[in-house]
Amino acid sequence: MKSRHLARSLAMQTLYSLDFAHRLYDEQNNPVFEQLLGTEVALAGITEEEENQLEADIRYYSAFLIQGTIENLERIDSLISEYSKNRSLDRINMVDRNILRISLFSLLFCADVHPHIVIDEAVKLSQEFSSDRNYKFVNGVLDSYVRKEINDD
């Protein structure tokens, strides 16, 4: 679903900005959510009413991903460290680190989203925003987590 992809992209970019500014562990992230909820998202080929509803859906799903990721950041970062094997968290590219964060949040707390969709979306985001080969690393970390932690047929 394109709106979910846009929401994940917006969430990743927001988390990246907070991470870059060293504010992910900051208790005062409320202005970020207020800004996000006021963000306009560029959409084409739909009516104004559909656009308004879709923009609201994207903003709210992004805010859900951001807030949930931040609230569970220690647990999520611990999982990234565990499943990235020979790369410490601070050595992971900042874009990919935040893609992994929202993806692991989704795997942990969004039972309505199939794990393979989460992984596919993470790979797409990495291909879109990161360097050429990093998507393989993102795929490997998430696939290892899913194989070990989620009973998935």
N, C-alpha and C. Protein backbone atom coordinates (compact mmCIF):
# COMPACT_ATOMS: atom_id res chain seq x y z
N MET A 1 0.85 -1.18 0.00
CA MET A 1 0.00 0.00 0.00
C MET A 1 0.89 1.24 0.00
N LYS A 2 0.73 2.08 -1.00
CA LYS A 2 1.60 3.23 -1.18
C LYS A 2 1.56 4.19 0.00
N SER A 3 0.38 4.38 0.62
CA SER A 3 0.29 5.31 1.75
C SER A 3 1.13 4.82 2.92
N ARG A 4 1.17 3.51 3.16
CA ARG A 4 1.99 2.98 4.25
C ARG A 4 3.48 3.18 3.94
N HIS A 5 3.85 3.02 2.67
CA HIS A 5 5.24 3.25 2.29
C HIS A 5 5.63 4.71 2.54
N LEU A 6 4.75 5.62 2.16
CA LEU A 6 5.02 7.05 2.41
C LEU A 6 5.11 7.33 3.90
N ALA A 7 4.25 6.70 4.68
CA ALA A 7 4.26 6.89 6.14
C ALA A 7 5.56 6.36 6.73
N ARG A 8 6.00 5.19 6.28
CA ARG A 8 7.27 4.63 6.78
C ARG A 8 8.44 5.52 6.38
N SER A 9 8.40 6.04 5.17
CA SER A 9 9.45 6.93 4.70
C SER A 9 9.51 8.20 5.55
N LEU A 10 8.36 8.78 5.82
CA LEU A 10 8.29 9.97 6.66
C LEU A 10 8.77 9.67 8.08
N ALA A 11 8.38 8.52 8.61
CA ALA A 11 8.81 8.13 9.96
C ALA A 11 10.32 7.94 10.01
N MET A 12 10.87 7.26 9.01
CA MET A 12 12.32 7.04 8.98
C MET A 12 13.07 8.37 8.90
N GLN A 13 12.59 9.28 8.07
CA GLN A 13 13.26 10.57 7.92
C GLN A 13 13.19 11.39 9.21
N THR A 14 12.07 11.30 9.91
CA THR A 14 11.93 12.02 11.18
C THR A 14 12.85 11.43 12.23
N LEU A 15 12.88 10.09 12.32
CA LEU A 15 13.78 9.44 13.28
C LEU A 15 15.24 9.74 12.94
N TYR A 16 15.56 9.76 11.66
CA TYR A 16 16.91 10.12 11.22
C TYR A 16 17.26 11.52 11.73
N SER A 17 16.35 12.47 11.56
CA SER A 17 16.60 13.84 12.01
C SER A 17 16.84 13.90 13.51
N LEU A 18 16.02 13.19 14.27
CA LEU A 18 16.19 13.14 15.72
C LEU A 18 17.51 12.48 16.10
N ASP A 19 17.84 11.40 15.40
CA ASP A 19 19.09 10.68 15.66
C ASP A 19 20.28 11.58 15.35
N PHE A 20 20.22 12.28 14.22
CA PHE A 20 21.30 13.18 13.82
C PHE A 20 21.52 14.28 14.85
N ALA A 21 20.42 14.77 15.42
CA ALA A 21 20.49 15.84 16.42
C ALA A 21 20.69 15.30 17.84
N HIS A 22 20.90 14.00 17.95
CA HIS A 22 21.08 13.34 19.26
C HIS A 22 19.89 13.59 20.18
N ARG A 23 18.68 13.50 19.62
CA ARG A 23 17.48 13.76 20.41
C ARG A 23 16.56 12.55 20.51
N LEU A 24 16.99 11.39 20.07
CA LEU A 24 16.12 10.22 20.14
C LEU A 24 15.78 9.84 21.57
N TYR A 25 16.71 10.03 22.48
CA TYR A 25 16.45 9.68 23.87
C TYR A 25 15.96 10.89 24.67
N ASP A 26 15.64 11.98 23.96
CA ASP A 26 15.16 13.21 24.58
C ASP A 26 13.70 13.05 24.99
N GLU A 27 13.39 13.42 26.22
CA GLU A 27 12.02 13.32 26.72
C GLU A 27 11.09 14.35 26.05
N GLN A 28 11.64 15.38 25.47
CA GLN A 28 10.85 16.48 24.93
C GLN A 28 10.68 16.38 23.41
N ASN A 29 10.13 15.30 22.91
CA ASN A 29 9.94 15.14 21.47
C ASN A 29 8.57 15.60 20.99
N ASN A 30 7.75 16.16 21.87
CA ASN A 30 6.40 16.57 21.48
C ASN A 30 6.36 17.52 20.28
N PRO A 31 7.27 18.52 20.18
CA PRO A 31 7.22 19.40 19.01
C PRO A 31 7.38 18.63 17.69
N VAL A 32 8.13 17.53 17.71
CA VAL A 32 8.31 16.73 16.50
C VAL A 32 6.97 16.19 16.03
N PHE A 33 6.16 15.68 16.97
CA PHE A 33 4.87 15.12 16.59
C PHE A 33 3.92 16.21 16.11
N GLU A 34 3.98 17.38 16.73
CA GLU A 34 3.13 18.48 16.29
C GLU A 34 3.51 18.91 14.87
N GLN A 35 4.81 18.96 14.59
CA GLN A 35 5.26 19.31 13.25
C GLN A 35 4.83 18.24 12.25
N LEU A 36 4.99 16.98 12.64
CA LEU A 36 4.64 15.88 11.75
C LEU A 36 3.16 15.91 11.40
N LEU A 37 2.33 16.14 12.38
CA LEU A 37 0.89 16.15 12.13
C LEU A 37 0.48 17.32 11.25
N GLY A 38 1.33 18.33 11.13
CA GLY A 38 1.04 19.46 10.26
C GLY A 38 1.72 19.37 8.91
N THR A 39 2.46 18.30 8.67
CA THR A 39 3.23 18.14 7.44
C THR A 39 2.32 17.85 6.25
N GLU A 40 2.58 18.50 5.13
CA GLU A 40 1.86 18.19 3.91
C GLU A 40 2.66 17.15 3.14
N VAL A 41 1.97 16.18 2.61
CA VAL A 41 2.60 15.11 1.86
C VAL A 41 2.20 15.28 0.40
N ALA A 42 3.16 15.22 -0.51
CA ALA A 42 2.87 15.41 -1.93
C ALA A 42 2.26 14.15 -2.52
N LEU A 43 1.04 14.27 -3.03
CA LEU A 43 0.32 13.15 -3.63
C LEU A 43 -0.24 13.60 -4.98
N ALA A 44 -0.36 12.65 -5.91
CA ALA A 44 -0.87 13.02 -7.23
C ALA A 44 -1.92 12.02 -7.69
N GLY A 45 -2.81 12.47 -8.57
CA GLY A 45 -3.77 11.57 -9.20
C GLY A 45 -4.98 11.21 -8.37
N ILE A 46 -5.28 11.98 -7.34
CA ILE A 46 -6.46 11.70 -6.52
C ILE A 46 -7.22 12.99 -6.25
N THR A 47 -8.47 12.86 -5.83
CA THR A 47 -9.27 14.05 -5.54
C THR A 47 -8.76 14.74 -4.29
N GLU A 48 -9.17 15.98 -4.11
CA GLU A 48 -8.74 16.75 -2.94
C GLU A 48 -9.21 16.09 -1.65
N GLU A 49 -10.44 15.59 -1.64
CA GLU A 49 -10.97 14.92 -0.44
C GLU A 49 -10.17 13.65 -0.12
N GLU A 50 -9.88 12.85 -1.17
CA GLU A 50 -9.07 11.65 -0.98
C GLU A 50 -7.67 12.02 -0.50
N GLU A 51 -7.14 13.09 -1.07
CA GLU A 51 -5.80 13.54 -0.67
C GLU A 51 -5.77 13.94 0.79
N ASN A 52 -6.77 14.70 1.23
CA ASN A 52 -6.82 15.12 2.63
C ASN A 52 -6.89 13.93 3.57
N GLN A 53 -7.73 12.94 3.24
CA GLN A 53 -7.84 11.75 4.09
C GLN A 53 -6.55 10.95 4.07
N LEU A 54 -5.97 10.79 2.88
CA LEU A 54 -4.74 10.03 2.76
C LEU A 54 -3.60 10.72 3.50
N GLU A 55 -3.51 12.05 3.37
CA GLU A 55 -2.48 12.79 4.10
C GLU A 55 -2.63 12.58 5.60
N ALA A 56 -3.85 12.62 6.09
CA ALA A 56 -4.09 12.41 7.52
C ALA A 56 -3.67 11.00 7.92
N ASP A 57 -4.03 10.01 7.11
CA ASP A 57 -3.65 8.62 7.40
C ASP A 57 -2.13 8.46 7.44
N ILE A 58 -1.46 9.07 6.48
CA ILE A 58 0.00 8.99 6.42
C ILE A 58 0.62 9.64 7.65
N ARG A 59 0.16 10.83 7.98
CA ARG A 59 0.72 11.54 9.14
C ARG A 59 0.49 10.75 10.43
N TYR A 60 -0.71 10.24 10.61
CA TYR A 60 -1.00 9.52 11.86
C TYR A 60 -0.26 8.19 11.95
N TYR A 61 -0.15 7.48 10.82
CA TYR A 61 0.61 6.22 10.86
C TYR A 61 2.09 6.51 11.10
N SER A 62 2.61 7.57 10.49
CA SER A 62 4.00 7.97 10.74
C SER A 62 4.21 8.29 12.21
N ALA A 63 3.30 9.07 12.78
CA ALA A 63 3.41 9.43 14.20
C ALA A 63 3.35 8.19 15.08
N PHE A 64 2.49 7.23 14.73
CA PHE A 64 2.40 5.97 15.46
C PHE A 64 3.74 5.24 15.43
N LEU A 65 4.35 5.14 14.24
CA LEU A 65 5.64 4.47 14.11
C LEU A 65 6.74 5.19 14.89
N ILE A 66 6.76 6.50 14.80
CA ILE A 66 7.80 7.28 15.48
C ILE A 66 7.65 7.16 16.99
N GLN A 67 6.46 7.41 17.48
CA GLN A 67 6.24 7.37 18.93
C GLN A 67 6.50 5.97 19.48
N GLY A 68 6.00 4.96 18.80
CA GLY A 68 6.21 3.59 19.26
C GLY A 68 7.67 3.19 19.25
N THR A 69 8.38 3.62 18.22
CA THR A 69 9.81 3.31 18.13
C THR A 69 10.57 4.00 19.26
N ILE A 70 10.28 5.27 19.49
CA ILE A 70 10.97 6.00 20.55
C ILE A 70 10.66 5.41 21.92
N GLU A 71 9.40 5.06 22.15
CA GLU A 71 9.02 4.49 23.45
C GLU A 71 9.67 3.13 23.71
N ASN A 72 10.06 2.43 22.66
CA ASN A 72 10.65 1.10 22.79
C ASN A 72 12.09 1.07 22.29
N LEU A 73 12.73 2.23 22.27
CA LEU A 73 14.04 2.37 21.64
C LEU A 73 15.11 1.47 22.26
N GLU A 74 15.15 1.39 23.58
CA GLU A 74 16.19 0.56 24.21
C GLU A 74 16.06 -0.90 23.80
N ARG A 75 14.84 -1.41 23.83
CA ARG A 75 14.61 -2.81 23.43
C ARG A 75 14.95 -3.01 21.96
N ILE A 76 14.51 -2.09 21.12
CA ILE A 76 14.76 -2.19 19.68
C ILE A 76 16.26 -2.11 19.39
N ASP A 77 16.96 -1.15 20.00
CA ASP A 77 18.40 -1.03 19.78
C ASP A 77 19.14 -2.27 20.27
N SER A 78 18.67 -2.86 21.34
CA SER A 78 19.27 -4.10 21.84
C SER A 78 19.12 -5.22 20.81
N LEU A 79 17.95 -5.31 20.19
CA LEU A 79 17.73 -6.32 19.16
C LEU A 79 18.59 -6.06 17.92
N ILE A 80 18.72 -4.80 17.54
CA ILE A 80 19.58 -4.48 16.40
C ILE A 80 21.01 -4.91 16.70
N SER A 81 21.49 -4.61 17.90
CA SER A 81 22.85 -5.01 18.28
C SER A 81 23.01 -6.52 18.26
N GLU A 82 22.00 -7.22 18.75
CA GLU A 82 22.05 -8.69 18.79
C GLU A 82 22.06 -9.30 17.39
N TYR A 83 21.23 -8.79 16.50
CA TYR A 83 21.09 -9.42 15.18
C TYR A 83 21.99 -8.83 14.10
N SER A 84 22.69 -7.75 14.39
CA SER A 84 23.63 -7.22 13.40
C SER A 84 25.01 -7.85 13.57
N LYS A 85 25.11 -8.76 14.50
CA LYS A 85 26.28 -9.59 14.78
C LYS A 85 27.57 -8.81 14.93
N ASN A 86 28.29 -8.55 13.85
CA ASN A 86 29.62 -7.96 13.99
C ASN A 86 29.66 -6.45 13.74
N ARG A 87 28.51 -5.79 13.80
CA ARG A 87 28.48 -4.32 13.67
C ARG A 87 27.82 -3.74 14.90
N SER A 88 28.54 -2.85 15.56
CA SER A 88 27.93 -2.17 16.70
C SER A 88 26.90 -1.16 16.19
N LEU A 89 25.98 -0.80 17.04
CA LEU A 89 24.90 0.11 16.66
C LEU A 89 25.43 1.42 16.09
N ASP A 90 26.48 1.96 16.69
CA ASP A 90 27.01 3.24 16.23
C ASP A 90 27.78 3.13 14.91
N ARG A 91 28.09 1.90 14.48
CA ARG A 91 28.77 1.71 13.19
C ARG A 91 27.79 1.46 12.05
N ILE A 92 26.52 1.33 12.37
CA ILE A 92 25.51 1.13 11.33
C ILE A 92 25.14 2.50 10.76
N ASN A 93 25.12 2.59 9.46
CA ASN A 93 24.72 3.81 8.76
C ASN A 93 23.44 4.35 9.40
N MET A 94 23.39 5.65 9.65
CA MET A 94 22.28 6.25 10.39
C MET A 94 20.93 6.03 9.70
N VAL A 95 20.90 6.07 8.39
CA VAL A 95 19.66 5.82 7.66
C VAL A 95 19.21 4.38 7.92
N ASP A 96 20.12 3.44 7.73
CA ASP A 96 19.77 2.03 7.91
C ASP A 96 19.42 1.72 9.36
N ARG A 97 20.09 2.36 10.28
CA ARG A 97 19.78 2.16 11.71
C ARG A 97 18.33 2.53 11.99
N ASN A 98 17.87 3.62 11.41
CA ASN A 98 16.50 4.07 11.66
C ASN A 98 15.48 3.28 10.85
N ILE A 99 15.86 2.77 9.71
CA ILE A 99 15.00 1.83 8.98
C ILE A 99 14.83 0.56 9.82
N LEU A 100 15.92 0.06 10.37
CA LEU A 100 15.85 -1.13 11.23
C LEU A 100 14.98 -0.86 12.45
N ARG A 101 15.08 0.33 13.01
CA ARG A 101 14.29 0.66 14.20
C ARG A 101 12.79 0.60 13.92
N ILE A 102 12.33 1.28 12.86
CA ILE A 102 10.89 1.25 12.60
C ILE A 102 10.43 -0.13 12.16
N SER A 103 11.31 -0.86 11.50
CA SER A 103 10.96 -2.21 11.06
C SER A 103 10.83 -3.16 12.24
N LEU A 104 11.77 -3.09 13.17
CA LEU A 104 11.66 -3.95 14.36
C LEU A 104 10.48 -3.55 15.22
N PHE A 105 10.18 -2.27 15.31
CA PHE A 105 8.97 -1.86 16.02
C PHE A 105 7.75 -2.51 15.37
N SER A 106 7.69 -2.47 14.05
CA SER A 106 6.56 -3.09 13.33
C SER A 106 6.49 -4.58 13.57
N LEU A 107 7.64 -5.25 13.55
CA LEU A 107 7.65 -6.70 13.79
C LEU A 107 7.22 -7.03 15.22
N LEU A 108 7.58 -6.19 16.15
CA LEU A 108 7.24 -6.44 17.55
C LEU A 108 5.79 -6.11 17.88
N PHE A 109 5.26 -5.04 17.31
CA PHE A 109 3.99 -4.50 17.79
C PHE A 109 2.88 -4.37 16.76
N CYS A 110 3.13 -4.69 15.52
CA CYS A 110 2.10 -4.55 14.48
C CYS A 110 1.76 -5.91 13.90
N ALA A 111 0.96 -6.66 14.62
CA ALA A 111 0.61 -8.02 14.22
C ALA A 111 -0.17 -8.06 12.90
N ASP A 112 -0.78 -6.94 12.53
CA ASP A 112 -1.57 -6.90 11.29
C ASP A 112 -0.70 -6.77 10.04
N VAL A 113 0.59 -6.56 10.21
CA VAL A 113 1.50 -6.44 9.06
C VAL A 113 2.38 -7.68 9.01
N HIS A 114 2.30 -8.41 7.91
CA HIS A 114 3.07 -9.65 7.76
C HIS A 114 4.57 -9.34 7.79
N PRO A 115 5.36 -10.18 8.45
CA PRO A 115 6.81 -9.94 8.55
C PRO A 115 7.50 -9.75 7.20
N HIS A 116 7.06 -10.48 6.18
CA HIS A 116 7.70 -10.33 4.86
C HIS A 116 7.42 -8.95 4.26
N ILE A 117 6.27 -8.38 4.56
CA ILE A 117 5.97 -7.02 4.09
C ILE A 117 6.88 -6.02 4.80
N VAL A 118 7.09 -6.21 6.09
CA VAL A 118 7.98 -5.33 6.86
C VAL A 118 9.38 -5.38 6.26
N ILE A 119 9.87 -6.57 5.98
CA ILE A 119 11.22 -6.73 5.42
C ILE A 119 11.29 -6.10 4.03
N ASP A 120 10.30 -6.37 3.17
CA ASP A 120 10.29 -5.79 1.83
C ASP A 120 10.29 -4.26 1.87
N GLU A 121 9.49 -3.70 2.76
CA GLU A 121 9.44 -2.24 2.90
C GLU A 121 10.78 -1.69 3.39
N ALA A 122 11.40 -2.37 4.33
CA ALA A 122 12.71 -1.93 4.83
C ALA A 122 13.75 -1.95 3.72
N VAL A 123 13.74 -2.99 2.92
CA VAL A 123 14.68 -3.09 1.80
C VAL A 123 14.43 -1.95 0.81
N LYS A 124 13.16 -1.68 0.50
CA LYS A 124 12.83 -0.58 -0.42
C LYS A 124 13.32 0.76 0.13
N LEU A 125 13.10 1.00 1.42
CA LEU A 125 13.56 2.25 2.02
C LEU A 125 15.08 2.36 1.97
N SER A 126 15.76 1.25 2.24
CA SER A 126 17.22 1.26 2.20
C SER A 126 17.72 1.53 0.78
N GLN A 127 17.09 0.90 -0.20
CA GLN A 127 17.48 1.14 -1.59
C GLN A 127 17.20 2.59 -2.00
N GLU A 128 16.15 3.16 -1.45
CA GLU A 128 15.75 4.52 -1.79
C GLU A 128 16.62 5.59 -1.12
N PHE A 129 17.02 5.35 0.13
CA PHE A 129 17.66 6.40 0.92
C PHE A 129 19.11 6.11 1.32
N SER A 130 19.57 4.89 1.19
CA SER A 130 20.90 4.54 1.68
C SER A 130 21.85 4.26 0.52
N SER A 131 23.03 3.75 0.85
CA SER A 131 24.00 3.44 -0.19
C SER A 131 23.63 2.14 -0.91
N ASP A 132 24.32 1.89 -1.99
CA ASP A 132 23.96 0.82 -2.92
C ASP A 132 23.73 -0.56 -2.31
N ARG A 133 24.60 -1.00 -1.44
CA ARG A 133 24.52 -2.38 -0.97
C ARG A 133 23.95 -2.55 0.43
N ASN A 134 23.66 -1.48 1.10
CA ASN A 134 23.21 -1.59 2.49
C ASN A 134 21.88 -2.31 2.65
N TYR A 135 21.08 -2.34 1.59
CA TYR A 135 19.81 -3.05 1.69
C TYR A 135 20.01 -4.52 2.03
N LYS A 136 21.14 -5.09 1.61
CA LYS A 136 21.43 -6.49 1.92
C LYS A 136 21.65 -6.67 3.42
N PHE A 137 22.31 -5.73 4.04
CA PHE A 137 22.53 -5.77 5.48
C PHE A 137 21.19 -5.66 6.22
N VAL A 138 20.37 -4.70 5.82
CA VAL A 138 19.04 -4.51 6.43
C VAL A 138 18.22 -5.79 6.29
N ASN A 139 18.21 -6.36 5.10
CA ASN A 139 17.49 -7.60 4.86
C ASN A 139 18.01 -8.72 5.75
N GLY A 140 19.31 -8.84 5.87
CA GLY A 140 19.91 -9.90 6.69
C GLY A 140 19.57 -9.79 8.16
N VAL A 141 19.63 -8.58 8.70
CA VAL A 141 19.31 -8.37 10.12
C VAL A 141 17.85 -8.73 10.38
N LEU A 142 16.95 -8.21 9.57
CA LEU A 142 15.52 -8.46 9.79
C LEU A 142 15.15 -9.92 9.54
N ASP A 143 15.74 -10.51 8.50
CA ASP A 143 15.46 -11.91 8.21
C ASP A 143 15.93 -12.81 9.36
N SER A 144 17.10 -12.53 9.91
CA SER A 144 17.60 -13.30 11.05
C SER A 144 16.66 -13.19 12.24
N TYR A 145 16.18 -11.98 12.50
CA TYR A 145 15.25 -11.78 13.61
C TYR A 145 13.96 -12.58 13.38
N VAL A 146 13.40 -12.47 12.19
CA VAL A 146 12.13 -13.16 11.89
C VAL A 146 12.31 -14.67 11.99
N ARG A 147 13.40 -15.20 11.46
CA ARG A 147 13.63 -16.65 11.51
C ARG A 147 13.73 -17.16 12.94
N LYS A 148 14.37 -16.38 13.80
CA LYS A 148 14.59 -16.84 15.17
C LYS A 148 13.42 -16.53 16.10
N GLU A 149 12.80 -15.38 15.95
CA GLU A 149 11.83 -14.90 16.94
C GLU A 149 10.36 -15.05 16.55
N ILE A 150 10.07 -15.17 15.27
CA ILE A 150 8.68 -15.21 14.85
C ILE A 150 8.40 -16.56 14.19
N ASN A 151 7.39 -17.24 14.69
CA ASN A 151 6.97 -18.50 14.07
C ASN A 151 6.17 -18.15 12.84
N ASP A 152 6.81 -18.24 11.69
CA ASP A 152 6.21 -17.79 10.44
C ASP A 152 6.34 -18.88 9.41
N ASP A 153 5.24 -19.24 8.81
CA ASP A 153 5.28 -20.30 7.79
C ASP A 153 5.55 -19.74 6.43
